[in-house]
C-alpha atoms as a PDB file:
ATOM      1  CA  PHE A   1      -1.393  56.499   5.454  1.00  0.00           C
ATOM      2  CA  GLY A   2      -5.086  55.858   5.992  1.00  0.00           C
ATOM      3  CA  PRO A   3      -7.238  53.144   4.482  1.00  0.00           C
ATOM      4  CA  ARG A   4      -7.285  54.895   1.101  1.00  0.00           C
ATOM      5  CA  THR A   5      -3.581  54.657   0.554  1.00  0.00           C
ATOM      6  CA  GLN A   6      -3.256  50.988   1.377  1.00  0.00           C
ATOM      7  CA  ARG A   7      -1.973  48.848  -1.429  1.00  0.00           C
ATOM      8  CA  LEU A   8      -4.624  46.957  -3.342  1.00  0.00           C
ATOM      9  CA  LYS A   9      -4.535  43.217  -2.794  1.00  0.00           C
ATOM     10  CA  LYS A  10      -3.604  41.081  -5.735  1.00  0.00           C
ATOM     11  CA  PRO A  11      -6.635  38.969  -6.822  1.00  0.00           C
ATOM     12  CA  SER A  12      -6.376  35.303  -5.943  1.00  0.00           C
ATOM     13  CA  PRO A  13      -6.051  32.691  -8.723  1.00  0.00           C
ATOM     14  CA  ARG A  14      -9.494  31.331  -7.831  1.00  0.00           C
ATOM     15  CA  ARG A  15     -11.042  34.762  -8.258  1.00  0.00           C
ATOM     16  CA  LYS A  16      -9.313  35.136 -11.639  1.00  0.00           C
ATOM     17  CA  ARG A  17     -10.672  31.768 -12.800  1.00  0.00           C
ATOM     18  CA  LEU A  18     -14.187  32.689 -11.689  1.00  0.00           C
ATOM     19  CA  LYS A  19     -13.959  36.013 -13.498  1.00  0.00           C
ATOM     20  CA  ARG A  20     -12.810  34.299 -16.719  1.00  0.00           C
ATOM     21  CA  LEU A  21     -15.624  31.743 -16.419  1.00  0.00           C
ATOM     22  CA  PHE A  22     -18.185  34.514 -15.882  1.00  0.00           C
ATOM     23  CA  ILE A  23     -16.948  36.362 -18.971  1.00  0.00           C
ATOM     24  CA  LEU A  24     -17.030  33.148 -21.012  1.00  0.00           C
ATOM     25  CA  LEU A  25     -20.561  32.269 -19.944  1.00  0.00           C
ATOM     26  CA  ASN A  26     -21.824  35.741 -20.764  1.00  0.00           C
ATOM     27  CA  SER A  27     -20.169  35.839 -24.158  1.00  0.00           C
ATOM     28  CA  ARG A  28     -22.254  35.860 -27.309  1.00  0.00           C
ATOM     29  CA  ALA A  29     -21.223  32.356 -28.306  1.00  0.00           C
ATOM     30  CA  CYS A  30     -22.716  30.792 -25.172  1.00  0.00           C
ATOM     31  CA  ARG A  31     -26.094  32.506 -25.317  1.00  0.00           C
ATOM     32  CA  VAL A  32     -29.007  30.407 -26.518  1.00  0.00           C
ATOM     33  CA  LYS A  33     -31.084  32.037 -29.214  1.00  0.00           C
ATOM     34  CA  PRO A  34     -34.736  32.394 -28.222  1.00  0.00           C
ATOM     35  CA  LEU A  35     -37.344  30.422 -30.124  1.00  0.00           C
ATOM     36  CA  TYR A  36     -39.974  32.231 -32.101  1.00  0.00           C
ATOM     37  CA  PHE A  37     -43.535  31.467 -31.047  1.00  0.00           C
ATOM     38  CA  SER A  38     -44.319  29.881 -34.418  1.00  0.00           C
ATOM     39  CA  THR A  39     -41.353  27.502 -34.076  1.00  0.00           C
ATOM     40  CA  LEU A  40     -42.339  26.619 -30.518  1.00  0.00           C
ATOM     41  CA  CYS A  41     -45.886  25.865 -31.691  1.00  0.00           C
ATOM     42  CA  LEU A  42     -44.540  23.677 -34.513  1.00  0.00           C
ATOM     43  CA  VAL A  43     -42.321  21.725 -32.095  1.00  0.00           C
ATOM     44  CA  ALA A  44     -45.182  21.231 -29.613  1.00  0.00           C
ATOM     45  CA  ALA A  45     -47.651  20.231 -32.346  1.00  0.00           C
ATOM     46  CA  SER A  46     -45.206  17.735 -33.837  1.00  0.00           C
ATOM     47  CA  PHE A  47     -44.576  16.046 -30.470  1.00  0.00           C
ATOM     48  CA  PHE A  48     -48.315  15.992 -29.731  1.00  0.00           C
ATOM     49  CA  SER A  49     -49.062  14.441 -33.129  1.00  0.00           C
ATOM     50  CA  ALA A  50     -46.290  11.868 -32.599  1.00  0.00           C
ATOM     51  CA  ILE A  51     -47.835  10.831 -29.286  1.00  0.00           C
ATOM     52  CA  VAL A  52     -51.287  10.596 -30.862  1.00  0.00           C
ATOM     53  CA  LEU A  53     -49.884   8.564 -33.759  1.00  0.00           C
ATOM     54  CA  ASN A  54     -48.114   6.268 -31.288  1.00  0.00           C
ATOM     55  CA  ILE A  55     -51.272   5.355 -29.383  1.00  0.00           C
ATOM     56  CA  ILE A  56     -53.572   4.725 -32.376  1.00  0.00           C
ATOM     57  CA  PRO A  57     -54.724   1.097 -32.173  1.00  0.00           C
ATOM     58  CA  LEU A  58     -53.995  -0.755 -35.409  1.00  0.00           C
ATOM     59  CA  PRO A  59     -54.528  -4.296 -36.649  1.00  0.00           C
ATOM     60  CA  ALA A  60     -51.493  -6.528 -36.206  1.00  0.00           C
ATOM     61  CA  THR A  61     -50.588  -6.543 -39.914  1.00  0.00           C
ATOM     62  CA  LEU A  62     -50.653  -2.730 -40.189  1.00  0.00           C
ATOM     63  CA  ALA A  63     -48.773  -2.321 -36.909  1.00  0.00           C
ATOM     64  CA  LEU A  64     -45.806  -4.118 -38.486  1.00  0.00           C
ATOM     65  CA  PHE A  65     -45.400  -1.338 -41.061  1.00  0.00           C
ATOM     66  CA  TYR A  66     -46.036   1.537 -38.685  1.00  0.00           C
ATOM     67  CA  PRO A  67     -43.087   3.940 -38.171  1.00  0.00           C
ATOM     68  CA  LEU A  68     -41.701   4.835 -34.751  1.00  0.00           C
ATOM     69  CA  TRP A  69     -42.983   8.404 -34.811  1.00  0.00           C
ATOM     70  CA  LEU A  70     -41.866   9.709 -31.434  1.00  0.00           C
ATOM     71  CA  PRO A  71     -38.174   8.773 -31.727  1.00  0.00           C
ATOM     72  CA  LEU A  72     -38.125  10.056 -35.315  1.00  0.00           C
ATOM     73  CA  ILE A  73     -39.527  13.452 -34.386  1.00  0.00           C
ATOM     74  CA  LEU A  74     -37.253  13.652 -31.337  1.00  0.00           C
ATOM     75  CA  ILE A  75     -34.212  12.982 -33.538  1.00  0.00           C
ATOM     76  CA  TYR A  76     -35.385  15.561 -36.077  1.00  0.00           C
ATOM     77  CA  TRP A  77     -35.769  18.346 -33.527  1.00  0.00           C
ATOM     78  CA  ILE A  78     -32.451  17.525 -31.883  1.00  0.00           C
ATOM     79  CA  MET A  79     -30.794  17.841 -35.289  1.00  0.00           C
ATOM     80  CA  VAL A  80     -32.538  21.149 -36.033  1.00  0.00           C
ATOM     81  CA  LEU A  81     -32.605  22.776 -32.569  1.00  0.00           C
ATOM     82  CA  PRO A  82     -29.986  20.996 -30.430  1.00  0.00           C
ATOM     83  CA  GLU A  83     -29.752  23.800 -27.863  1.00  0.00           C
ATOM     84  CA  HIS A  84     -33.492  23.688 -27.100  1.00  0.00           C
ATOM     85  CA  ILE A  85     -34.311  19.955 -26.943  1.00  0.00           C
ATOM     86  CA  HIS A  86     -32.927  18.277 -23.811  1.00  0.00           C
ATOM     87  CA  PHE A  87     -32.852  14.938 -22.035  1.00  0.00           C
ATOM     88  CA  THR A  88     -35.598  16.160 -19.715  1.00  0.00           C
ATOM     89  CA  LEU A  89     -38.014  16.442 -22.623  1.00  0.00           C
ATOM     90  CA  ALA A  90     -37.098  12.940 -23.804  1.00  0.00           C
ATOM     91  CA  TRP A  91     -37.602  11.573 -20.286  1.00  0.00           C
ATOM     92  CA  ILE A  92     -41.012  13.257 -19.888  1.00  0.00           C
ATOM     93  CA  LEU A  93     -42.178  12.083 -23.331  1.00  0.00           C
ATOM     94  CA  GLY A  94     -41.055   8.559 -22.468  1.00  0.00           C
ATOM     95  CA  LEU A  95     -42.955   8.612 -19.179  1.00  0.00           C
ATOM     96  CA  LEU A  96     -46.046   9.848 -21.009  1.00  0.00           C
ATOM     97  CA  ILE A  97     -45.790   7.003 -23.519  1.00  0.00           C
ATOM     98  CA  ASP A  98     -45.273   4.517 -20.655  1.00  0.00           C
ATOM     99  CA  VAL A  99     -48.438   5.764 -18.967  1.00  0.00           C
ATOM    100  CA  LEU A 100     -50.434   5.667 -22.217  1.00  0.00           C
ATOM    101  CA  TYR A 101     -49.221   2.150 -23.109  1.00  0.00           C
ATOM    102  CA  GLY A 102     -49.482   0.881 -19.547  1.00  0.00           C
ATOM    103  CA  SER A 103     -45.932  -0.427 -19.705  1.00  0.00           C
ATOM    104  CA  CYS A 104     -43.313  -0.383 -16.963  1.00  0.00           C
ATOM    105  CA  LEU A 105     -42.542   3.227 -15.980  1.00  0.00           C
ATOM    106  CA  GLY A 106     -39.208   4.375 -17.310  1.00  0.00           C
ATOM    107  CA  GLU A 107     -38.983   1.847 -20.121  1.00  0.00           C
ATOM    108  CA  HIS A 108     -39.565   4.251 -23.012  1.00  0.00           C
ATOM    109  CA  SER A 109     -37.893   7.054 -21.070  1.00  0.00           C
ATOM    110  CA  LEU A 110     -34.603   5.178 -20.974  1.00  0.00           C
ATOM    111  CA  ALA A 111     -34.874   4.232 -24.648  1.00  0.00           C
ATOM    112  CA  LEU A 112     -35.639   7.841 -25.674  1.00  0.00           C
ATOM    113  CA  CYS A 113     -32.723   9.097 -23.569  1.00  0.00           C
ATOM    114  CA  VAL A 114     -30.407   6.707 -25.432  1.00  0.00           C
ATOM    115  CA  VAL A 115     -31.780   8.062 -28.723  1.00  0.00           C
ATOM    116  CA  THR A 116     -31.294  11.631 -27.462  1.00  0.00           C
ATOM    117  CA  PHE A 117     -27.706  10.919 -26.443  1.00  0.00           C
ATOM    118  CA  LEU A 118     -26.825   9.419 -29.829  1.00  0.00           C
ATOM    119  CA  ALA A 119     -28.525  12.261 -31.697  1.00  0.00           C
ATOM    120  CA  TYR A 120     -26.696  14.882 -29.605  1.00  0.00           C
ATOM    121  CA  ARG A 121     -23.407  13.096 -29.998  1.00  0.00           C
ATOM    122  CA  PHE A 122     -23.587  13.054 -33.793  1.00  0.00           C
ATOM    123  CA  HIS A 123     -25.773  16.067 -34.626  1.00  0.00           C
ATOM    124  CA  LEU A 124     -22.927  18.082 -36.179  1.00  0.00           C
ATOM    125  CA  GLN A 125     -21.698  15.185 -38.326  1.00  0.00           C
ATOM    126  CA  PHE A 126     -25.263  14.226 -39.240  1.00  0.00           C
ATOM    127  CA  ARG A 127     -25.864  17.528 -41.005  1.00  0.00           C
ATOM    128  CA  MET A 128     -22.964  16.777 -43.354  1.00  0.00           C
ATOM    129  CA  PHE A 129     -24.029  13.203 -44.166  1.00  0.00           C
ATOM    130  CA  PRO A 130     -25.534  12.471 -47.593  1.00  0.00           C
ATOM    131  CA  LEU A 131     -29.148  11.260 -47.542  1.00  0.00           C
ATOM    132  CA  LEU A 132     -28.319   7.550 -47.718  1.00  0.00           C
ATOM    133  CA  GLN A 133     -25.921   7.844 -44.802  1.00  0.00           C
ATOM    134  CA  GLN A 134     -28.543   9.788 -42.828  1.00  0.00           C
ATOM    135  CA  ILE A 135     -31.046   6.987 -43.404  1.00  0.00           C
ATOM    136  CA  LEU A 136     -28.503   4.398 -42.227  1.00  0.00           C
ATOM    137  CA  PHE A 137     -27.733   6.492 -39.139  1.00  0.00           C
ATOM    138  CA  ILE A 138     -31.451   6.790 -38.340  1.00  0.00           C
ATOM    139  CA  LEU A 139     -31.774   3.025 -38.787  1.00  0.00           C
ATOM    140  CA  LEU A 140     -28.905   2.479 -36.344  1.00  0.00           C
ATOM    141  CA  VAL A 141     -30.327   4.881 -33.737  1.00  0.00           C
ATOM    142  CA  LEU A 142     -33.816   3.374 -33.992  1.00  0.00           C
ATOM    143  CA  THR A 143     -32.299  -0.104 -33.699  1.00  0.00           C
ATOM    144  CA  SER A 144     -30.697   0.984 -30.423  1.00  0.00           C
ATOM    145  CA  TYR A 145     -34.107   2.334 -29.313  1.00  0.00           C
ATOM    146  CA  GLN A 146     -35.793  -0.988 -30.050  1.00  0.00           C
ATOM    147  CA  GLY A 147     -32.862  -2.874 -28.536  1.00  0.00           C
ATOM    148  CA  VAL A 148     -33.232  -1.052 -25.219  1.00  0.00           C
ATOM    149  CA  LEU A 149     -36.985  -1.735 -25.184  1.00  0.00           C
ATOM    150  CA  ILE A 150     -36.449  -5.429 -26.005  1.00  0.00           C
ATOM    151  CA  TRP A 151     -33.728  -5.755 -23.376  1.00  0.00           C
ATOM    152  CA  ILE A 152     -35.958  -4.224 -20.676  1.00  0.00           C
ATOM    153  CA  GLN A 153     -38.938  -6.403 -21.625  1.00  0.00           C
ATOM    154  CA  ALA A 154     -36.792  -9.546 -21.646  1.00  0.00           C
ATOM    155  CA  TRP A 155     -35.259  -8.577 -18.303  1.00  0.00           C
ATOM    156  CA  LEU A 156     -38.745  -8.137 -16.832  1.00  0.00           C
ATOM    157  CA  GLY A 157     -39.713 -11.597 -18.085  1.00  0.00           C
ATOM    158  CA  PHE A 158     -42.116 -10.658 -20.861  1.00  0.00           C
ATOM    159  CA  PRO A 159     -42.077 -12.768 -24.045  1.00  0.00           C
ATOM    160  CA  VAL A 160     -40.313 -10.934 -26.867  1.00  0.00           C
ATOM    161  CA  ASP A 161     -40.925 -11.690 -30.547  1.00  0.00           C
ATOM    162  CA  LEU A 162     -37.967 -10.546 -32.638  1.00  0.00           C
ATOM    163  CA  ARG A 163     -39.154 -11.786 -36.044  1.00  0.00           C
ATOM    164  CA  TRP A 164     -40.930  -8.688 -37.361  1.00  0.00           C
ATOM    165  CA  ILE A 165     -39.307  -5.788 -35.536  1.00  0.00           C
ATOM    166  CA  TRP A 166     -37.002  -4.947 -38.436  1.00  0.00           C
ATOM    167  CA  ILE A 167     -39.969  -4.020 -40.700  1.00  0.00           C
ATOM    168  CA  SER A 168     -40.990  -0.995 -38.602  1.00  0.00           C
ATOM    169  CA  LEU A 169     -37.341   0.018 -38.311  1.00  0.00           C
ATOM    170  CA  LEU A 170     -36.906   0.015 -42.096  1.00  0.00           C
ATOM    171  CA  VAL A 171     -40.171   1.898 -42.651  1.00  0.00           C
ATOM    172  CA  SER A 172     -39.148   4.469 -40.036  1.00  0.00           C
ATOM    173  CA  ALA A 173     -35.776   4.986 -41.689  1.00  0.00           C
ATOM    174  CA  LEU A 174     -37.420   5.399 -45.095  1.00  0.00           C
ATOM    175  CA  VAL A 175     -39.875   7.971 -43.694  1.00  0.00           C
ATOM    176  CA  TRP A 176     -36.953  10.148 -42.555  1.00  0.00           C
ATOM    177  CA  PRO A 177     -36.495  12.126 -45.826  1.00  0.00           C
ATOM    178  CA  LEU A 178     -40.197  13.057 -45.829  1.00  0.00           C
ATOM    179  CA  MET A 179     -40.042  14.416 -42.294  1.00  0.00           C
ATOM    180  CA  GLY A 180     -37.493  17.034 -43.248  1.00  0.00           C
ATOM    181  CA  ASN A 181     -39.896  18.481 -45.795  1.00  0.00           C
ATOM    182  CA  VAL A 182     -42.986  18.316 -43.586  1.00  0.00           C
ATOM    183  CA  LEU A 183     -41.456  19.831 -40.433  1.00  0.00           C
ATOM    184  CA  ARG A 184     -39.184  22.372 -42.135  1.00  0.00           C
ATOM    185  CA  ILE A 185     -38.986  25.711 -40.357  1.00  0.00           C
ATOM    186  CA  ASN A 186     -39.875  28.772 -42.421  1.00  0.00           C
ATOM    187  CA  PRO A 187     -36.632  30.008 -44.086  1.00  0.00           C
ATOM    188  CA  LEU A 188     -37.601  33.617 -43.280  1.00  0.00           C
ATOM    189  CA  ASP A 189     -37.611  32.523 -39.662  1.00  0.00           C
ATOM    190  CA  ALA A 190     -33.991  31.335 -39.929  1.00  0.00           C
ATOM    191  CA  ARG A 191     -33.008  32.485 -36.442  1.00  0.00           C
ATOM    192  CA  HIS A 192     -35.409  29.890 -34.957  1.00  0.00           C
END
C-alpha cells in the first residue's frame, strides 16, 4: 500500500473545463491560416497607397469628388481576410492619418474603429449580398465614418459644413466594385 497503489484523484470540474478549452483552442478550426508573402505585400502596398492618396492636396472642387480611400481599403481587407485585419491596425492607421492631417489625435482612429466593427459584424452576410446591396452597405458604413468625424469636429467646436459631404460618400460607394477587381488575390494563392 505505498504511493503507487493509491487511488487516482478524480479531476476537478475546473480542470476538465480547462482541458476542453485547450483542446478547442488547438483544434484545426481555430487556427489562423498564415498569409503568403505576396498577399502580405499586397495588403501593405494597398494601405500605403491609401494613405498617400488621402494626403494628396487637391483643389476644393476636386476634393468634393475624391473617394475615402483608407476606409474603403480597410473594409475590403476585412471582408477578404477577417482573421488577419484587426482593430489595432485600424487604430494605428487612424493615428497616422491624424498626424498627417494635423487633426486631433484619435479622431480618425475612432472613426476607423467604428468602420472596422461594422465590417466585422457583417462580413459573412456581406459576401452573400448582391452588388447593389454591397454598394448600399458601403454607403451606410462610410456615412457612419463621416458621421463620427463630423460629431467629433462639432464637439471640439470646429465649424462643420454638411452641404457637400454626400458627394464623396456616393463616389466612394461607386468605386467599391472596381476595388474588388484591382485588389483581387491571385486565385492560385487561394489559401491566402
